[in-house]
């Protein structure tokens, strides 16, 4: 009879090639030890005051599945580390691993651009915009251009006339004052 064992069950193969499953806990029942019994078993090893409220490694995995919190002798809940969802999420771990690899080889995955690349793109956009405006200005008809030039000239002439009128009024007033002074002498 050959036997194969795992952590919680022992499988044994008998003559007819039928597997018989036996529970190990029936042969060796699991004992619940108190903190004092653990201290006595450890004997000469040094135990700090913090270790009395810590949960043994064997019981940590069962805490996540059980709904009841473990209590100390005084009735206090034993503190435990909450599960980390980032460590449980394999997709996030794979993404992080891939990003680290791409950073090592120098591949830019996130489309982040350097300041120089952004400035170059801005310059290219400005040049393209100016070329487009120039192209539009070439497409306008000759009549439209002539009308626009006339409007600009007339507006410029009106501004010059207004300036001349203001200047001429000032000169006339100054000349009149000078005449009165020279005539009085």
C-alpha atoms as a PDB file:
ATOM      1  CA  UNK A   1       0.000   0.000   0.000  1.00  0.00           C
ATOM      2  CA  UNK A   2       1.479   3.330  -1.044  1.00  0.00           C
ATOM      3  CA  UNK A   3       0.389   6.592   0.468  1.00  0.00           C
ATOM      4  CA  UNK A   4       0.468  10.188  -0.709  1.00  0.00           C
ATOM      5  CA  UNK A   5      -0.116  12.924   1.809  1.00  0.00           C
ATOM      6  CA  UNK A   6      -0.923  16.590   1.573  1.00  0.00           C
ATOM      7  CA  UNK A   7      -1.392  19.238   4.247  1.00  0.00           C
ATOM      8  CA  UNK A   8      -4.873  18.248   5.432  1.00  0.00           C
ATOM      9  CA  UNK A   9      -5.713  14.804   4.002  1.00  0.00           C
ATOM     10  CA  UNK A  10      -3.835  11.556   3.591  1.00  0.00           C
ATOM     11  CA  UNK A  11      -4.592   9.586   0.477  1.00  0.00           C
ATOM     12  CA  UNK A  12      -3.752   5.936   0.529  1.00  0.00           C
ATOM     13  CA  UNK A  13      -3.876   3.563  -2.366  1.00  0.00           C
ATOM     14  CA  UNK A  14      -4.964   0.031  -1.642  1.00  0.00           C
ATOM     15  CA  UNK A  15      -4.678  -3.090  -3.803  1.00  0.00           C
ATOM     16  CA  UNK A  16      -7.693  -2.294  -6.004  1.00  0.00           C
ATOM     17  CA  UNK A  17      -6.257   1.123  -7.044  1.00  0.00           C
ATOM     18  CA  UNK A  18      -8.986   2.937  -5.138  1.00  0.00           C
ATOM     19  CA  UNK A  19      -7.988   6.006  -3.221  1.00  0.00           C
ATOM     20  CA  UNK A  20      -9.103   6.166   0.379  1.00  0.00           C
ATOM     21  CA  UNK A  21      -9.139   9.606   1.960  1.00  0.00           C
ATOM     22  CA  UNK A  22      -8.518   9.924   5.677  1.00  0.00           C
ATOM     23  CA  UNK A  23      -8.507  13.103   7.660  1.00  0.00           C
ATOM     24  CA  UNK A  24      -5.326  13.823   9.559  1.00  0.00           C
ATOM     25  CA  UNK A  25      -7.194  15.800  12.176  1.00  0.00           C
ATOM     26  CA  UNK A  26      -8.927  12.662  13.441  1.00  0.00           C
ATOM     27  CA  UNK A  27      -5.618  10.980  14.195  1.00  0.00           C
ATOM     28  CA  UNK A  28      -3.962  14.054  15.686  1.00  0.00           C
ATOM     29  CA  UNK A  29      -6.538  16.547  16.924  1.00  0.00           C
ATOM     30  CA  UNK A  30      -5.561  20.208  16.709  1.00  0.00           C
ATOM     31  CA  UNK A  31      -5.007  21.716  20.134  1.00  0.00           C
ATOM     32  CA  UNK A  32      -5.873  25.271  21.056  1.00  0.00           C
ATOM     33  CA  UNK A  33      -3.020  26.602  23.144  1.00  0.00           C
ATOM     34  CA  UNK A  34      -3.198  29.640  25.353  1.00  0.00           C
ATOM     35  CA  UNK A  35      -0.512  32.300  25.451  1.00  0.00           C
ATOM     36  CA  UNK A  36       0.934  30.862  28.661  1.00  0.00           C
ATOM     37  CA  UNK A  37       1.269  27.378  27.124  1.00  0.00           C
ATOM     38  CA  UNK A  38       3.109  28.856  24.142  1.00  0.00           C
ATOM     39  CA  UNK A  39       5.406  30.736  26.525  1.00  0.00           C
ATOM     40  CA  UNK A  40       6.171  27.567  28.443  1.00  0.00           C
ATOM     41  CA  UNK A  41       6.874  25.672  25.201  1.00  0.00           C
ATOM     42  CA  UNK A  42       9.232  28.357  23.996  1.00  0.00           C
ATOM     43  CA  UNK A  43      11.027  28.199  27.320  1.00  0.00           C
ATOM     44  CA  UNK A  44      14.317  30.036  27.177  1.00  0.00           C
ATOM     45  CA  UNK A  45      13.460  32.165  24.143  1.00  0.00           C
ATOM     46  CA  UNK A  46      12.879  35.814  24.900  1.00  0.00           C
ATOM     47  CA  UNK A  47       9.323  37.056  24.401  1.00  0.00           C
ATOM     48  CA  UNK A  48       8.450  40.752  24.364  1.00  0.00           C
ATOM     49  CA  UNK A  49       5.229  42.231  25.683  1.00  0.00           C
ATOM     50  CA  UNK A  50       4.062  42.994  22.121  1.00  0.00           C
ATOM     51  CA  UNK A  51       4.132  39.348  21.083  1.00  0.00           C
ATOM     52  CA  UNK A  52       1.400  38.359  23.530  1.00  0.00           C
ATOM     53  CA  UNK A  53      -1.258  40.063  21.411  1.00  0.00           C
ATOM     54  CA  UNK A  54       0.060  38.979  18.008  1.00  0.00           C
ATOM     55  CA  UNK A  55      -1.675  36.337  15.926  1.00  0.00           C
ATOM     56  CA  UNK A  56       0.369  33.247  14.994  1.00  0.00           C
ATOM     57  CA  UNK A  57       1.140  32.806  11.281  1.00  0.00           C
ATOM     58  CA  UNK A  58      -0.912  29.610  11.091  1.00  0.00           C
ATOM     59  CA  UNK A  59      -4.068  31.454  12.162  1.00  0.00           C
ATOM     60  CA  UNK A  60      -3.627  34.536   9.958  1.00  0.00           C
ATOM     61  CA  UNK A  61      -5.002  32.908   6.819  1.00  0.00           C
ATOM     62  CA  UNK A  62      -8.076  31.653   8.660  1.00  0.00           C
ATOM     63  CA  UNK A  63      -8.859  35.168   9.911  1.00  0.00           C
ATOM     64  CA  UNK A  64      -9.725  36.456   6.468  1.00  0.00           C
ATOM     65  CA  UNK A  65     -12.363  33.804   5.924  1.00  0.00           C
ATOM     66  CA  UNK A  66     -13.873  33.757   9.415  1.00  0.00           C
ATOM     67  CA  UNK A  67     -16.460  36.323  10.394  1.00  0.00           C
ATOM     68  CA  UNK A  68     -15.697  36.237  14.138  1.00  0.00           C
ATOM     69  CA  UNK A  69     -12.790  38.337  15.418  1.00  0.00           C
ATOM     70  CA  UNK A  70     -10.256  36.574  17.649  1.00  0.00           C
ATOM     71  CA  UNK A  71     -10.346  37.756  21.244  1.00  0.00           C
ATOM     72  CA  UNK A  72      -7.711  37.863  23.977  1.00  0.00           C
ATOM     73  CA  UNK A  73      -8.292  36.609  27.505  1.00  0.00           C
ATOM     74  CA  UNK A  74      -9.481  40.070  28.548  1.00  0.00           C
ATOM     75  CA  UNK A  75     -12.042  40.092  25.738  1.00  0.00           C
ATOM     76  CA  UNK A  76     -10.139  42.532  23.518  1.00  0.00           C
ATOM     77  CA  UNK A  77      -9.964  42.051  19.773  1.00  0.00           C
ATOM     78  CA  UNK A  78      -6.510  41.002  18.602  1.00  0.00           C
ATOM     79  CA  UNK A  79      -5.156  43.501  16.045  1.00  0.00           C
ATOM     80  CA  UNK A  80      -4.406  42.166  12.589  1.00  0.00           C
ATOM     81  CA  UNK A  81      -3.079  43.592   9.390  1.00  0.00           C
ATOM     82  CA  UNK A  82      -5.852  44.307   6.858  1.00  0.00           C
ATOM     83  CA  UNK A  83      -5.524  42.669   3.443  1.00  0.00           C
ATOM     84  CA  UNK A  84      -3.815  44.759   0.767  1.00  0.00           C
ATOM     85  CA  UNK A  85      -5.998  44.911  -2.375  1.00  0.00           C
ATOM     86  CA  UNK A  86      -3.000  45.929  -4.491  1.00  0.00           C
ATOM     87  CA  UNK A  87      -1.187  42.712  -3.670  1.00  0.00           C
ATOM     88  CA  UNK A  88      -4.272  40.617  -4.390  1.00  0.00           C
ATOM     89  CA  UNK A  89      -4.952  42.249  -7.780  1.00  0.00           C
ATOM     90  CA  UNK A  90      -2.782  40.394 -10.312  1.00  0.00           C
ATOM     91  CA  UNK A  91      -3.776  42.665 -13.218  1.00  0.00           C
ATOM     92  CA  UNK A  92      -2.420  45.694 -11.355  1.00  0.00           C
ATOM     93  CA  UNK A  93       0.788  43.833 -10.520  1.00  0.00           C
ATOM     94  CA  UNK A  94       1.276  42.846 -14.169  1.00  0.00           C
ATOM     95  CA  UNK A  95       0.682  46.437 -15.296  1.00  0.00           C
ATOM     96  CA  UNK A  96       3.198  47.737 -12.759  1.00  0.00           C
ATOM     97  CA  UNK A  97       5.729  45.093 -13.820  1.00  0.00           C
ATOM     98  CA  UNK A  98       5.287  46.065 -17.486  1.00  0.00           C
ATOM     99  CA  UNK A  99       5.669  49.793 -16.720  1.00  0.00           C
ATOM    100  CA  UNK A 100       8.877  49.145 -14.784  1.00  0.00           C
ATOM    101  CA  UNK A 101      10.259  47.065 -17.656  1.00  0.00           C
ATOM    102  CA  UNK A 102       9.404  49.753 -20.217  1.00  0.00           C
ATOM    103  CA  UNK A 103      11.065  52.390 -18.052  1.00  0.00           C
ATOM    104  CA  UNK A 104      14.229  50.266 -17.834  1.00  0.00           C
ATOM    105  CA  UNK A 105      14.492  49.899 -21.597  1.00  0.00           C
ATOM    106  CA  UNK A 106      13.620  53.572 -22.152  1.00  0.00           C
ATOM    107  CA  UNK A 107      10.326  53.063 -23.949  1.00  0.00           C
ATOM    108  CA  UNK A 108       7.781  55.819 -23.316  1.00  0.00           C
ATOM    109  CA  UNK A 109       4.384  54.145 -22.901  1.00  0.00           C
ATOM    110  CA  UNK A 110       2.376  56.911 -21.264  1.00  0.00           C
ATOM    111  CA  UNK A 111       2.935  59.477 -24.081  1.00  0.00           C
ATOM    112  CA  UNK A 112       4.697  61.847 -21.733  1.00  0.00           C
ATOM    113  CA  UNK A 113       6.788  64.295 -23.731  1.00  0.00           C
ATOM    114  CA  UNK A 114       9.824  66.245 -22.718  1.00  0.00           C
ATOM    115  CA  UNK A 115       9.733  70.035 -22.544  1.00  0.00           C
ATOM    116  CA  UNK A 116      11.759  70.277 -25.743  1.00  0.00           C
ATOM    117  CA  UNK A 117       9.328  68.039 -27.636  1.00  0.00           C
ATOM    118  CA  UNK A 118       6.359  70.102 -26.421  1.00  0.00           C
ATOM    119  CA  UNK A 119       8.068  73.370 -27.480  1.00  0.00           C
ATOM    120  CA  UNK A 120       8.849  71.907 -30.906  1.00  0.00           C
ATOM    121  CA  UNK A 121       5.215  70.841 -31.370  1.00  0.00           C
ATOM    122  CA  UNK A 122       4.001  74.309 -30.334  1.00  0.00           C
ATOM    123  CA  UNK A 123       6.370  75.938 -32.826  1.00  0.00           C
ATOM    124  CA  UNK A 124       5.209  73.594 -35.609  1.00  0.00           C
ATOM    125  CA  UNK A 125       1.570  74.395 -34.800  1.00  0.00           C
ATOM    126  CA  UNK A 126       2.273  78.149 -34.983  1.00  0.00           C
ATOM    127  CA  UNK A 127       4.079  77.793 -38.328  1.00  0.00           C
ATOM    128  CA  UNK A 128       1.234  75.703 -39.738  1.00  0.00           C
ATOM    129  CA  UNK A 129      -1.310  78.285 -38.543  1.00  0.00           C
ATOM    130  CA  UNK A 130       0.599  81.142 -40.230  1.00  0.00           C
ATOM    131  CA  UNK A 131       0.889  79.160 -43.460  1.00  0.00           C
ATOM    132  CA  UNK A 132      -2.854  78.483 -43.407  1.00  0.00           C
ATOM    133  CA  UNK A 133      -3.641  82.191 -42.887  1.00  0.00           C
ATOM    134  CA  UNK A 134      -1.253  83.121 -45.698  1.00  0.00           C
ATOM    135  CA  UNK A 135      -2.908  80.554 -47.958  1.00  0.00           C
ATOM    136  CA  UNK A 136      -6.345  82.018 -47.153  1.00  0.00           C
ATOM    137  CA  UNK A 137      -5.115  85.519 -47.895  1.00  0.00           C
ATOM    138  CA  UNK A 138      -3.873  84.390 -51.329  1.00  0.00           C
ATOM    139  CA  UNK A 139      -7.252  82.898 -52.138  1.00  0.00           C
ATOM    140  CA  UNK A 140      -9.180  86.166 -51.627  1.00  0.00           C
ATOM    141  CA  UNK A 141     -10.209  87.940 -54.807  1.00  0.00           C
ATOM    142  CA  UNK A 142      -8.447  90.997 -56.151  1.00  0.00           C
ATOM    143  CA  UNK A 143     -11.566  93.104 -55.737  1.00  0.00           C
ATOM    144  CA  UNK A 144     -11.767  92.256 -52.028  1.00  0.00           C
ATOM    145  CA  UNK A 145      -8.109  93.201 -51.613  1.00  0.00           C
ATOM    146  CA  UNK A 146      -8.609  96.524 -53.398  1.00  0.00           C
ATOM    147  CA  UNK A 147     -11.648  97.349 -51.258  1.00  0.00           C
ATOM    148  CA  UNK A 148      -9.792  96.476 -48.049  1.00  0.00           C
ATOM    149  CA  UNK A 149      -6.848  98.692 -49.087  1.00  0.00           C
ATOM    150  CA  UNK A 150      -9.186 101.631 -49.815  1.00  0.00           C
ATOM    151  CA  UNK A 151     -10.896 101.236 -46.442  1.00  0.00           C
ATOM    152  CA  UNK A 152      -7.506 101.246 -44.697  1.00  0.00           C
ATOM    153  CA  UNK A 153      -6.355 104.345 -46.609  1.00  0.00           C
ATOM    154  CA  UNK A 154      -9.545 106.259 -45.842  1.00  0.00           C
ATOM    155  CA  UNK A 155      -9.376 105.375 -42.153  1.00  0.00           C
ATOM    156  CA  UNK A 156      -5.743 106.518 -42.090  1.00  0.00           C
ATOM    157  CA  UNK A 157      -6.655 109.738 -43.918  1.00  0.00           C
ATOM    158  CA  UNK A 158      -9.477 110.503 -41.485  1.00  0.00           C
ATOM    159  CA  UNK A 159      -7.114 110.098 -38.552  1.00  0.00           C
ATOM    160  CA  UNK A 160      -4.520 112.376 -40.197  1.00  0.00           C
ATOM    161  CA  UNK A 161      -7.186 115.040 -40.947  1.00  0.00           C
ATOM    162  CA  UNK A 162      -8.332 115.025 -37.331  1.00  0.00           C
ATOM    163  CA  UNK A 163      -4.742 115.446 -36.160  1.00  0.00           C
ATOM    164  CA  UNK A 164      -4.196 118.320 -38.623  1.00  0.00           C
ATOM    165  CA  UNK A 165      -7.346 120.113 -37.443  1.00  0.00           C
ATOM    166  CA  UNK A 166      -6.265 119.853 -33.825  1.00  0.00           C
ATOM    167  CA  UNK A 167      -2.766 121.076 -34.675  1.00  0.00           C
ATOM    168  CA  UNK A 168      -4.013 123.905 -36.854  1.00  0.00           C
ATOM    169  CA  UNK A 169      -6.347 125.144 -34.099  1.00  0.00           C
ATOM    170  CA  UNK A 170      -3.451 125.188 -31.655  1.00  0.00           C
ATOM    171  CA  UNK A 171      -1.233 127.061 -34.112  1.00  0.00           C
ATOM    172  CA  UNK A 172      -3.969 129.610 -34.824  1.00  0.00           C
ATOM    173  CA  UNK A 173      -4.475 130.270 -31.118  1.00  0.00           C
ATOM    174  CA  UNK A 174      -0.733 130.632 -30.542  1.00  0.00           C
ATOM    175  CA  UNK A 175      -0.395 132.961 -33.553  1.00  0.00           C
ATOM    176  CA  UNK A 176      -3.282 135.070 -32.335  1.00  0.00           C
ATOM    177  CA  UNK A 177      -1.615 135.453 -28.931  1.00  0.00           C
ATOM    178  CA  UNK A 178       1.655 136.441 -30.555  1.00  0.00           C
ATOM    179  CA  UNK A 179      -0.057 139.058 -32.751  1.00  0.00           C
ATOM    180  CA  UNK A 180      -1.711 140.641 -29.774  1.00  0.00           C
ATOM    181  CA  UNK A 181       1.618 140.842 -27.981  1.00  0.00           C
ATOM    182  CA  UNK A 182       3.470 142.313 -30.910  1.00  0.00           C
ATOM    183  CA  UNK A 183       0.720 144.832 -31.659  1.00  0.00           C
ATOM    184  CA  UNK A 184       0.634 146.054 -28.066  1.00  0.00           C
ATOM    185  CA  UNK A 185       4.361 146.913 -28.102  1.00  0.00           C
END
